């Protein structure tokens, strides 16, 4: 899901976080997180939920069904 990868990148960059910081927060390896951002893999549902919670967005926002908070307005 290319939109998920783009949204993960946008959310991380907007918060000025490293991939490592996000990966550690959701308890995965940095390489795994990099694969999600590069659209090489899709996160499992539990991880998708953890990422949405970490970034403070809804599942619909993370999946691209609703705009990200930074893109509203």
PDB file of N, CA and C in Angstrom:
ATOM      1  N   UNK A   1       0.842  -1.181   0.000  1.00  0.00           N
ATOM      2  CA  UNK A   1       0.000   0.000   0.000  1.00  0.00           C
ATOM      3  C   UNK A   1       0.884   1.240   0.000  1.00  0.00           C
ATOM      4  N   UNK A   2       1.080   1.767  -1.147  1.00  0.00           N
ATOM      5  CA  UNK A   2       1.973   2.912  -1.308  1.00  0.00           C
ATOM      6  C   UNK A   2       1.566   4.091  -0.430  1.00  0.00           C
ATOM      7  N   UNK A   3       0.272   4.319  -0.268  1.00  0.00           N
ATOM      8  CA  UNK A   3      -0.185   5.467   0.523  1.00  0.00           C
ATOM      9  C   UNK A   3       0.211   5.310   1.992  1.00  0.00           C
ATOM     10  N   UNK A   4       0.184   4.098   2.507  1.00  0.00           N
ATOM     11  CA  UNK A   4       0.603   3.870   3.893  1.00  0.00           C
ATOM     12  C   UNK A   4       2.080   4.217   4.038  1.00  0.00           C
ATOM     13  N   UNK A   5       2.887   3.793   3.104  1.00  0.00           N
ATOM     14  CA  UNK A   5       4.316   4.096   3.140  1.00  0.00           C
ATOM     15  C   UNK A   5       4.548   5.607   3.124  1.00  0.00           C
ATOM     16  N   UNK A   6       3.858   6.304   2.252  1.00  0.00           N
ATOM     17  CA  UNK A   6       4.008   7.762   2.176  1.00  0.00           C
ATOM     18  C   UNK A   6       3.540   8.435   3.458  1.00  0.00           C
ATOM     19  N   UNK A   7       2.437   7.947   4.018  1.00  0.00           N
ATOM     20  CA  UNK A   7       1.929   8.534   5.254  1.00  0.00           C
ATOM     21  C   UNK A   7       2.871   8.276   6.426  1.00  0.00           C
ATOM     22  N   UNK A   8       3.455   7.086   6.490  1.00  0.00           N
ATOM     23  CA  UNK A   8       4.419   6.807   7.550  1.00  0.00           C
ATOM     24  C   UNK A   8       5.612   7.754   7.454  1.00  0.00           C
ATOM     25  N   UNK A   9       6.104   7.973   6.249  1.00  0.00           N
ATOM     26  CA  UNK A   9       7.222   8.902   6.061  1.00  0.00           C
ATOM     27  C   UNK A   9       6.826  10.314   6.468  1.00  0.00           C
ATOM     28  N   UNK A  10       5.659  10.765   6.010  1.00  0.00           N
ATOM     29  CA  UNK A  10       5.207  12.122   6.299  1.00  0.00           C
ATOM     30  C   UNK A  10       5.026  12.342   7.804  1.00  0.00           C
ATOM     31  N   UNK A  11       4.426  11.379   8.473  1.00  0.00           N
ATOM     32  CA  UNK A  11       4.208  11.509   9.914  1.00  0.00           C
ATOM     33  C   UNK A  11       5.528  11.531  10.674  1.00  0.00           C
ATOM     34  N   UNK A  12       6.443  10.666  10.304  1.00  0.00           N
ATOM     35  CA  UNK A  12       7.732  10.623  10.998  1.00  0.00           C
ATOM     36  C   UNK A  12       8.514  11.909  10.765  1.00  0.00           C
ATOM     37  N   UNK A  13       8.551  12.366   9.538  1.00  0.00           N
ATOM     38  CA  UNK A  13       9.307  13.582   9.222  1.00  0.00           C
ATOM     39  C   UNK A  13       8.685  14.819   9.865  1.00  0.00           C
ATOM     40  N   UNK A  14       7.364  14.884   9.904  1.00  0.00           N
ATOM     41  CA  UNK A  14       6.692  16.032  10.524  1.00  0.00           C
ATOM     42  C   UNK A  14       7.032  16.132  12.010  1.00  0.00           C
ATOM     43  N   UNK A  15       7.287  14.994  12.611  1.00  0.00           N
ATOM     44  CA  UNK A  15       7.621  14.960  14.040  1.00  0.00           C
ATOM     45  C   UNK A  15       9.129  14.944  14.282  1.00  0.00           C
ATOM     46  N   UNK A  16       9.892  15.008  13.190  1.00  0.00           N
ATOM     47  CA  UNK A  16      11.355  15.045  13.258  1.00  0.00           C
ATOM     48  C   UNK A  16      11.917  13.869  14.063  1.00  0.00           C
ATOM     49  N   UNK A  17      11.419  12.695  13.752  1.00  0.00           N
ATOM     50  CA  UNK A  17      11.863  11.466  14.409  1.00  0.00           C
ATOM     51  C   UNK A  17      12.717  10.642  13.465  1.00  0.00           C
ATOM     52  N   UNK A  18      13.612   9.863  14.046  1.00  0.00           N
ATOM     53  CA  UNK A  18      14.379   8.924  13.238  1.00  0.00           C
ATOM     54  C   UNK A  18      13.570   7.649  13.062  1.00  0.00           C
ATOM     55  N   UNK A  19      13.946   6.863  12.071  1.00  0.00           N
ATOM     56  CA  UNK A  19      13.302   5.559  11.902  1.00  0.00           C
ATOM     57  C   UNK A  19      13.540   4.689  13.127  1.00  0.00           C
ATOM     58  N   UNK A  20      14.721   4.794  13.677  1.00  0.00           N
ATOM     59  CA  UNK A  20      15.053   4.001  14.853  1.00  0.00           C
ATOM     60  C   UNK A  20      14.144   4.356  16.030  1.00  0.00           C
ATOM     61  N   UNK A  21      13.894   5.627  16.234  1.00  0.00           N
ATOM     62  CA  UNK A  21      13.040   6.048  17.345  1.00  0.00           C
ATOM     63  C   UNK A  21      11.629   5.467  17.209  1.00  0.00           C
ATOM     64  N   UNK A  22      11.089   5.514  15.990  1.00  0.00           N
ATOM     65  CA  UNK A  22       9.750   4.970  15.761  1.00  0.00           C
ATOM     66  C   UNK A  22       9.766   3.456  15.948  1.00  0.00           C
ATOM     67  N   UNK A  23      10.751   2.810  15.373  1.00  0.00           N
ATOM     68  CA  UNK A  23      10.849   1.353  15.469  1.00  0.00           C
ATOM     69  C   UNK A  23      10.926   0.904  16.922  1.00  0.00           C
ATOM     70  N   UNK A  24      11.732   1.583  17.703  1.00  0.00           N
ATOM     71  CA  UNK A  24      11.841   1.221  19.111  1.00  0.00           C
ATOM     72  C   UNK A  24      10.524   1.441  19.845  1.00  0.00           C
ATOM     73  N   UNK A  25       9.820   2.510  19.507  1.00  0.00           N
ATOM     74  CA  UNK A  25       8.558   2.820  20.176  1.00  0.00           C
ATOM     75  C   UNK A  25       7.488   1.754  19.923  1.00  0.00           C
ATOM     76  N   UNK A  26       7.518   1.164  18.730  1.00  0.00           N
ATOM     77  CA  UNK A  26       6.512   0.133  18.405  1.00  0.00           C
ATOM     78  C   UNK A  26       7.107  -1.276  18.467  1.00  0.00           C
ATOM     79  N   UNK A  27       8.309  -1.365  18.974  1.00  0.00           N
ATOM     80  CA  UNK A  27       8.974  -2.637  19.259  1.00  0.00           C
ATOM     81  C   UNK A  27       9.203  -3.520  18.035  1.00  0.00           C
ATOM     82  N   UNK A  28       9.772  -2.903  16.997  1.00  0.00           N
ATOM     83  CA  UNK A  28      10.206  -3.642  15.814  1.00  0.00           C
ATOM     84  C   UNK A  28      11.624  -3.188  15.481  1.00  0.00           C
ATOM     85  N   UNK A  29      12.269  -3.877  14.547  1.00  0.00           N
ATOM     86  CA  UNK A  29      13.614  -3.460  14.157  1.00  0.00           C
ATOM     87  C   UNK A  29      13.538  -2.240  13.234  1.00  0.00           C
ATOM     88  N   UNK A  30      14.628  -1.491  13.214  1.00  0.00           N
ATOM     89  CA  UNK A  30      14.693  -0.323  12.329  1.00  0.00           C
ATOM     90  C   UNK A  30      14.543  -0.757  10.871  1.00  0.00           C
ATOM     91  N   UNK A  31      15.150  -1.870  10.508  1.00  0.00           N
ATOM     92  CA  UNK A  31      15.055  -2.370   9.128  1.00  0.00           C
ATOM     93  C   UNK A  31      13.612  -2.713   8.771  1.00  0.00           C
ATOM     94  N   UNK A  32      12.884  -3.308   9.695  1.00  0.00           N
ATOM     95  CA  UNK A  32      11.474  -3.616   9.429  1.00  0.00           C
ATOM     96  C   UNK A  32      10.696  -2.333   9.166  1.00  0.00           C
ATOM     97  N   UNK A  33      10.917  -1.336  10.016  1.00  0.00           N
ATOM     98  CA  UNK A  33      10.208  -0.066   9.817  1.00  0.00           C
ATOM     99  C   UNK A  33      10.588   0.553   8.480  1.00  0.00           C
ATOM    100  N   UNK A  34      11.849   0.482   8.125  1.00  0.00           N
ATOM    101  CA  UNK A  34      12.304   1.021   6.840  1.00  0.00           C
ATOM    102  C   UNK A  34      11.570   0.330   5.688  1.00  0.00           C
ATOM    103  N   UNK A  35      11.363  -0.956   5.787  1.00  0.00           N
ATOM    104  CA  UNK A  35      10.649  -1.686   4.734  1.00  0.00           C
ATOM    105  C   UNK A  35       9.214  -1.202   4.593  1.00  0.00           C
ATOM    106  N   UNK A  36       8.575  -0.849   5.708  1.00  0.00           N
ATOM    107  CA  UNK A  36       7.204  -0.318   5.633  1.00  0.00           C
ATOM    108  C   UNK A  36       7.208   1.052   4.956  1.00  0.00           C
ATOM    109  N   UNK A  37       8.162   1.888   5.301  1.00  0.00           N
ATOM    110  CA  UNK A  37       8.241   3.218   4.682  1.00  0.00           C
ATOM    111  C   UNK A  37       8.607   3.142   3.203  1.00  0.00           C
ATOM    112  N   UNK A  38       9.349   2.120   2.811  1.00  0.00           N
ATOM    113  CA  UNK A  38       9.752   1.970   1.414  1.00  0.00           C
ATOM    114  C   UNK A  38       8.759   1.153   0.597  1.00  0.00           C
ATOM    115  N   UNK A  39       7.647   0.810   1.204  1.00  0.00           N
ATOM    116  CA  UNK A  39       6.585   0.040   0.551  1.00  0.00           C
ATOM    117  C   UNK A  39       7.075  -1.331   0.081  1.00  0.00           C
ATOM    118  N   UNK A  40       7.991  -1.908   0.854  1.00  0.00           N
ATOM    119  CA  UNK A  40       8.490  -3.245   0.553  1.00  0.00           C
ATOM    120  C   UNK A  40       7.689  -4.309   1.295  1.00  0.00           C
ATOM    121  N   UNK A  41       7.016  -3.897   2.369  1.00  0.00           N
ATOM    122  CA  UNK A  41       6.176  -4.796   3.166  1.00  0.00           C
ATOM    123  C   UNK A  41       4.993  -4.009   3.691  1.00  0.00           C
ATOM    124  N   UNK A  42       3.940  -4.731   4.056  1.00  0.00           N
ATOM    125  CA  UNK A  42       2.772  -4.102   4.668  1.00  0.00           C
ATOM    126  C   UNK A  42       2.714  -4.506   6.132  1.00  0.00           C
ATOM    127  N   UNK A  43       2.429  -3.540   7.016  1.00  0.00           N
ATOM    128  CA  UNK A  43       2.363  -3.880   8.433  1.00  0.00           C
ATOM    129  C   UNK A  43       1.179  -4.793   8.742  1.00  0.00           C
ATOM    130  N   UNK A  44       1.373  -5.673   9.713  1.00  0.00           N
ATOM    131  CA  UNK A  44       0.273  -6.505  10.195  1.00  0.00           C
ATOM    132  C   UNK A  44      -0.750  -5.605  10.885  1.00  0.00           C
ATOM    133  N   UNK A  45      -1.935  -6.121  11.099  1.00  0.00           N
ATOM    134  CA  UNK A  45      -2.971  -5.321  11.758  1.00  0.00           C
ATOM    135  C   UNK A  45      -2.533  -4.848  13.145  1.00  0.00           C
ATOM    136  N   UNK A  46      -1.980  -5.714  13.998  1.00  0.00           N
ATOM    137  CA  UNK A  46      -1.536  -5.210  15.305  1.00  0.00           C
ATOM    138  C   UNK A  46      -0.488  -4.100  15.196  1.00  0.00           C
ATOM    139  N   UNK A  47       0.427  -4.223  14.251  1.00  0.00           N
ATOM    140  CA  UNK A  47       1.428  -3.181  14.063  1.00  0.00           C
ATOM    141  C   UNK A  47       0.800  -1.918  13.486  1.00  0.00           C
ATOM    142  N   UNK A  48      -0.133  -2.080  12.574  1.00  0.00           N
ATOM    143  CA  UNK A  48      -0.851  -0.942  11.988  1.00  0.00           C
ATOM    144  C   UNK A  48      -1.541  -0.144  13.103  1.00  0.00           C
ATOM    145  N   UNK A  49      -2.163  -0.858  14.033  1.00  0.00           N
ATOM    146  CA  UNK A  49      -2.818  -0.215  15.181  1.00  0.00           C
ATOM    147  C   UNK A  49      -1.786   0.501  16.058  1.00  0.00           C
ATOM    148  N   UNK A  50      -0.658  -0.159  16.309  1.00  0.00           N
ATOM    149  CA  UNK A  50       0.383   0.435  17.140  1.00  0.00           C
ATOM    150  C   UNK A  50       0.943   1.705  16.499  1.00  0.00           C
ATOM    151  N   UNK A  51       1.136   1.691  15.196  1.00  0.00           N
ATOM    152  CA  UNK A  51       1.650   2.872  14.497  1.00  0.00           C
ATOM    153  C   UNK A  51       0.641   4.018  14.537  1.00  0.00           C
ATOM    154  N   UNK A  52      -0.616   3.711  14.329  1.00  0.00           N
ATOM    155  CA  UNK A  52      -1.657   4.748  14.399  1.00  0.00           C
ATOM    156  C   UNK A  52      -1.697   5.350  15.803  1.00  0.00           C
ATOM    157  N   UNK A  53      -1.648   4.512  16.815  1.00  0.00           N
ATOM    158  CA  UNK A  53      -1.634   5.008  18.194  1.00  0.00           C
ATOM    159  C   UNK A  53      -0.393   5.854  18.460  1.00  0.00           C
ATOM    160  N   UNK A  54       0.761   5.386  18.016  1.00  0.00           N
ATOM    161  CA  UNK A  54       2.009   6.118  18.234  1.00  0.00           C
ATOM    162  C   UNK A  54       1.941   7.513  17.620  1.00  0.00           C
ATOM    163  N   UNK A  55       1.442   7.596  16.395  1.00  0.00           N
ATOM    164  CA  UNK A  55       1.383   8.886  15.702  1.00  0.00           C
ATOM    165  C   UNK A  55       0.152   9.704  16.072  1.00  0.00           C
ATOM    166  N   UNK A  56      -0.784   9.120  16.808  1.00  0.00           N
ATOM    167  CA  UNK A  56      -1.975   9.853  17.219  1.00  0.00           C
ATOM    168  C   UNK A  56      -2.926  10.132  16.067  1.00  0.00           C
ATOM    169  N   UNK A  57      -3.009   9.179  15.143  1.00  0.00           N
ATOM    170  CA  UNK A  57      -3.915   9.312  14.009  1.00  0.00           C
ATOM    171  C   UNK A  57      -4.875   8.123  13.994  1.00  0.00           C
ATOM    172  N   UNK A  58      -5.909   8.230  13.197  1.00  0.00           N
ATOM    173  CA  UNK A  58      -6.848   7.120  13.058  1.00  0.00           C
ATOM    174  C   UNK A  58      -6.322   6.129  12.027  1.00  0.00           C
ATOM    175  N   UNK A  59      -6.900   4.953  12.031  1.00  0.00           N
ATOM    176  CA  UNK A  59      -6.541   3.962  11.010  1.00  0.00           C
ATOM    177  C   UNK A  59      -6.887   4.488   9.621  1.00  0.00           C
ATOM    178  N   UNK A  60      -8.020   5.170   9.494  1.00  0.00           N
ATOM    179  CA  UNK A  60      -8.402   5.729   8.193  1.00  0.00           C
ATOM    180  C   UNK A  60      -7.396   6.771   7.718  1.00  0.00           C
ATOM    181  N   UNK A  61      -6.871   7.567   8.620  1.00  0.00           N
ATOM    182  CA  UNK A  61      -5.858   8.550   8.236  1.00  0.00           C
ATOM    183  C   UNK A  61      -4.578   7.861   7.802  1.00  0.00           C
ATOM    184  N   UNK A  62      -4.150   6.877   8.554  1.00  0.00           N
ATOM    185  CA  UNK A  62      -2.921   6.166   8.205  1.00  0.00           C
ATOM    186  C   UNK A  62      -3.062   5.429   6.877  1.00  0.00           C
ATOM    187  N   UNK A  63      -4.255   4.901   6.606  1.00  0.00           N
ATOM    188  CA  UNK A  63      -4.497   4.155   5.373  1.00  0.00           C
ATOM    189  C   UNK A  63      -4.788   5.062   4.179  1.00  0.00           C
ATOM    190  N   UNK A  64      -4.912   6.370   4.420  1.00  0.00           N
ATOM    191  CA  UNK A  64      -5.150   7.297   3.318  1.00  0.00           C
ATOM    192  C   UNK A  64      -6.608   7.516   2.985  1.00  0.00           C
ATOM    193  N   UNK A  65      -7.512   6.997   3.801  1.00  0.00           N
ATOM    194  CA  UNK A  65      -8.946   7.184   3.552  1.00  0.00           C
ATOM    195  C   UNK A  65      -9.415   8.555   4.026  1.00  0.00           C
ATOM    196  N   UNK A  66      -8.733   9.118   4.994  1.00  0.00           N
ATOM    197  CA  UNK A  66      -8.961  10.465   5.498  1.00  0.00           C
ATOM    198  C   UNK A  66      -7.631  11.187   5.472  1.00  0.00           C
ATOM    199  N   UNK A  67      -7.643  12.527   5.353  1.00  0.00           N
ATOM    200  CA  UNK A  67      -6.368  13.257   5.321  1.00  0.00           C
ATOM    201  C   UNK A  67      -5.659  13.201   6.662  1.00  0.00           C
ATOM    202  N   UNK A  68      -4.347  13.252   6.608  1.00  0.00           N
ATOM    203  CA  UNK A  68      -3.554  13.344   7.836  1.00  0.00           C
ATOM    204  C   UNK A  68      -3.820  14.701   8.489  1.00  0.00           C
ATOM    205  N   UNK A  69      -3.641  14.794   9.801  1.00  0.00           N
ATOM    206  CA  UNK A  69      -3.909  16.068  10.479  1.00  0.00           C
ATOM    207  C   UNK A  69      -3.159  17.252   9.869  1.00  0.00           C
ATOM    208  N   UNK A  70      -1.920  17.047   9.443  1.00  0.00           N
ATOM    209  CA  UNK A  70      -1.131  18.128   8.856  1.00  0.00           C
ATOM    210  C   UNK A  70      -1.665  18.563   7.497  1.00  0.00           C
ATOM    211  N   UNK A  71      -2.470  17.697   6.856  1.00  0.00           N
ATOM    212  CA  UNK A  71      -2.954  17.977   5.508  1.00  0.00           C
ATOM    213  C   UNK A  71      -4.381  18.527   5.494  1.00  0.00           C
ATOM    214  N   UNK A  72      -5.009  18.628   6.667  1.00  0.00           N
ATOM    215  CA  UNK A  72      -6.381  19.124   6.728  1.00  0.00           C
ATOM    216  C   UNK A  72      -6.400  20.626   6.554  1.00  0.00           C
ATOM    217  N   UNK A  73      -7.552  21.103   6.074  1.00  0.00           N
ATOM    218  CA  UNK A  73      -7.765  22.518   6.038  1.00  0.00           C
ATOM    219  C   UNK A  73      -7.532  23.104   4.719  1.00  0.00           C
TER     220      UNK A  73
END
